[in-house]
Protein backbone atom coordinates (compact mmCIF):
# COMPACT_ATOMS: atom_id res chain seq x y z
CA MET A 1 0.00 0.00 0.00
CA GLN A 2 2.96 2.27 0.64
CA HIS A 3 4.05 2.29 -3.01
CA VAL A 4 0.53 3.23 -4.13
CA SER A 5 0.44 6.17 -1.71
CA GLN A 6 3.84 7.39 -2.91
CA ALA A 7 2.79 7.19 -6.56
CA LEU A 8 -0.44 9.08 -5.92
CA LYS A 9 1.41 11.77 -3.93
CA LYS A 10 3.78 12.32 -6.86
CA CYS A 11 0.74 12.89 -9.07
CA HIS A 12 -0.50 15.55 -6.58
CA TYR A 13 -3.36 13.40 -5.30
CA PRO A 14 -5.02 15.11 -2.29
CA GLU A 15 -4.06 13.84 1.16
CA TRP A 16 -7.69 13.74 2.33
CA ALA A 17 -8.53 11.24 -0.42
CA LEU A 18 -5.63 8.98 0.59
CA LYS A 19 -6.77 9.12 4.22
CA LYS A 20 -10.36 8.35 3.24
CA GLY A 21 -9.22 5.31 1.25
CA ARG A 22 -7.10 4.06 4.16
CA ASP A 23 -10.04 4.44 6.53
CA GLN A 24 -12.43 2.58 4.21
CA THR A 25 -10.10 -0.39 3.76
CA SER A 26 -9.36 -0.73 7.47
CA LYS A 27 -13.00 -0.74 8.66
CA PRO A 28 -14.90 -4.05 8.54
CA LYS A 29 -18.03 -4.21 6.40
CA SER A 30 -20.67 -4.83 9.04
CA SER A 31 -23.71 -3.01 7.63
CA MET A 32 -25.05 -5.95 5.58
CA GLU A 33 -23.72 -8.75 7.77
CA SER A 34 -25.32 -7.44 10.95
CA LYS A 35 -28.79 -7.36 9.37
CA ARG A 36 -28.65 -10.96 8.18
CA VAL A 37 -30.26 -13.73 10.24
CA PRO A 38 -27.69 -16.44 11.10
CA GLY A 39 -29.82 -19.34 9.79
CA GLN A 40 -30.92 -17.55 6.62
CA ALA A 41 -29.50 -18.72 3.28
CA LYS A 42 -27.26 -16.37 1.34
CA SER A 43 -28.87 -14.61 -1.63
CA LYS A 44 -27.73 -15.91 -5.01
CA GLY A 45 -28.75 -12.79 -6.95
CA ASN A 46 -31.49 -11.75 -9.35
CA VAL A 47 -32.70 -13.56 -12.46
CA VAL A 48 -34.17 -11.69 -15.42
CA LEU A 49 -36.28 -13.55 -17.99
CA PRO A 50 -36.83 -11.88 -21.34
CA TYR A 51 -40.38 -11.43 -22.60
CA VAL A 52 -40.83 -13.19 -25.96
């Protein structure tokens, strides 16, 4: 991650954006996982059938 930060700094990338990216990658994603019931099956996605 250090080499990415150095490259972005050389391209005059703002420090606040680098800090925001660091914060987002270090925080666990708990918003969807906390709402899910432990015994509930995981969603497989949506299916779209064309109208013929």
